[in-house]
Protein backbone atom coordinates (compact mmCIF):
# COMPACT_ATOMS: atom_id res chain seq x y z
CA MET A 1 72.13 55.70 40.04
CA ARG A 2 73.83 52.80 38.30
CA VAL A 3 70.77 52.33 36.09
CA LEU A 4 70.74 55.98 35.07
CA LYS A 5 74.48 55.90 34.32
CA PHE A 6 74.03 52.66 32.39
CA VAL A 7 71.24 54.14 30.26
CA ALA A 8 73.05 57.46 29.75
CA ASN A 9 76.26 55.80 28.58
CA SER A 10 74.51 53.48 26.12
CA SER A 11 74.14 54.84 22.59
CA SER A 12 71.56 52.28 21.64
CA LEU A 13 69.61 50.17 24.08
CA SER A 14 68.91 46.60 23.20
CA SER A 15 66.36 44.36 24.81
CA THR A 16 69.13 42.80 26.86
CA ASP A 17 70.32 46.22 28.02
CA ILE A 18 66.80 47.22 29.06
CA THR A 19 66.36 43.93 30.93
CA ALA A 20 69.67 44.48 32.72
CA ALA A 21 68.66 48.04 33.60
CA LEU A 22 65.31 46.85 34.96
CA SER A 23 67.08 44.15 36.97
CA LEU A 24 69.41 46.75 38.49
CA ALA A 25 66.44 48.99 39.32
CA SER A 26 64.60 46.06 40.90
CA ASP A 27 67.66 45.15 43.00
CA ALA A 28 67.98 48.77 44.12
CA LEU A 29 64.31 48.85 45.09
CA ASP A 30 64.70 45.64 47.10
CA ALA A 31 67.77 47.02 48.85
CA THR A 32 65.88 50.24 49.62
CA SER A 33 63.05 48.23 51.17
CA THR A 34 65.55 46.30 53.30
CA VAL A 35 67.18 49.51 54.52
CA GLN A 36 63.75 50.99 55.28
CA ALA A 37 62.81 47.92 57.35
CA LYS A 38 66.07 48.12 59.30
CA LEU A 39 65.55 51.84 59.92
CA SER A 40 62.01 51.17 61.12
CA SER A 41 63.24 48.50 63.51
CA ALA A 42 65.96 50.81 64.83
CA ALA A 43 63.42 53.61 65.30
CA SER A 44 61.18 51.28 67.31
CA GLN A 45 64.10 50.26 69.51
CA ILE A 46 65.08 53.89 70.06
CA GLU A 47 61.50 54.78 70.98
CA ALA A 48 61.31 51.89 73.47
CA ALA A 49 64.64 52.87 75.02
CA SER A 50 63.49 56.48 75.28
CA SER A 51 60.29 55.37 77.01
CA ARG A 52 62.24 53.23 79.48
CA GLN A 53 64.60 56.13 80.16
CA THR A 54 61.67 58.47 80.81
CA ASP A 55 60.18 55.93 83.24
CA TYR A 56 63.55 55.61 85.01
CA GLN A 57 63.89 59.39 85.30
CA GLY A 58 60.46 59.56 86.94
CA PHE A 59 61.42 56.79 89.35
CA ALA A 60 64.71 58.50 90.20
CA GLN A 61 62.99 61.83 90.81
CA THR A 62 60.41 60.20 93.08
CA LEU A 63 63.12 58.34 94.97
CA GLY A 64 65.13 61.53 95.36
CA THR A 65 62.10 63.37 96.69
CA ASP A 66 61.34 60.53 99.11
CA LEU A 67 64.91 60.46 100.40
CA THR A 68 65.30 64.20 100.82
CA GLY A 69 61.79 64.77 102.16
CA VAL A 70 62.37 62.76 105.35
CA ASP A 71 61.32 64.29 108.67
CA VAL A 72 64.62 64.07 110.56
CA ALA A 73 63.03 64.72 113.96
CA ALA A 74 60.50 61.92 113.50
CA VAL A 75 63.17 59.47 112.34
CA THR A 76 65.41 60.41 115.27
CA ALA A 77 62.57 59.85 117.73
CA GLN A 78 61.73 56.50 116.15
CA LEU A 79 65.39 55.40 116.28
CA SER A 80 65.57 56.38 119.95
CA THR A 81 62.48 54.27 120.64
CA TYR A 82 63.99 51.30 118.81
CA GLN A 83 67.26 51.72 120.69
CA ALA A 84 65.44 51.75 124.04
CA GLN A 85 63.50 48.61 123.07
CA LEU A 86 66.67 46.84 121.97
CA THR A 87 68.48 47.79 125.17
CA ALA A 88 65.57 46.50 127.24
CA SER A 89 65.54 43.23 125.25
CA TYR A 90 69.27 42.70 125.81
CA SER A 91 68.84 43.43 129.50
CA ALA A 92 65.98 40.93 129.78
CA ILE A 93 67.98 38.27 127.91
CA ALA A 94 70.99 38.83 130.22
CA LYS A 95 68.76 38.50 133.27
CA ILE A 96 67.19 35.28 131.95
CA GLN A 97 70.61 33.80 131.13
CA SER A 98 71.85 34.43 134.67
CA LEU A 99 68.93 32.48 136.18
CA ASN A 100 69.26 28.84 137.02
CA LEU A 101 67.18 26.35 139.00
CA ALA A 102 69.43 26.50 142.07
CA SER A 103 69.09 30.26 142.45
CA TYR A 104 65.33 29.95 141.96
CA LEU A 105 64.98 27.36 144.76
CA ARG A 106 66.85 29.51 147.33
């Protein structure tokens, strides 16, 4: 834009004016390339973040299905079994702790 304004406002263009205009155009082209590279990098980062988010959504949906799809009756039965085993273990440990050599020899 600056180059076009520069050329439009000049009544006669000298060699120096044309060189300055070309320099401005070259600088603008370089700046455009820099902006394009930054935009490309940002687009890649956005795409990677989107992919990670999609993966996380799939994981969360699977986890939600696993947590809500539990057979409550089976889990209750398994917990009852574990509780019975734990109670029996504590009972056996209490019995073993109460034993001593003197009571064994009687």
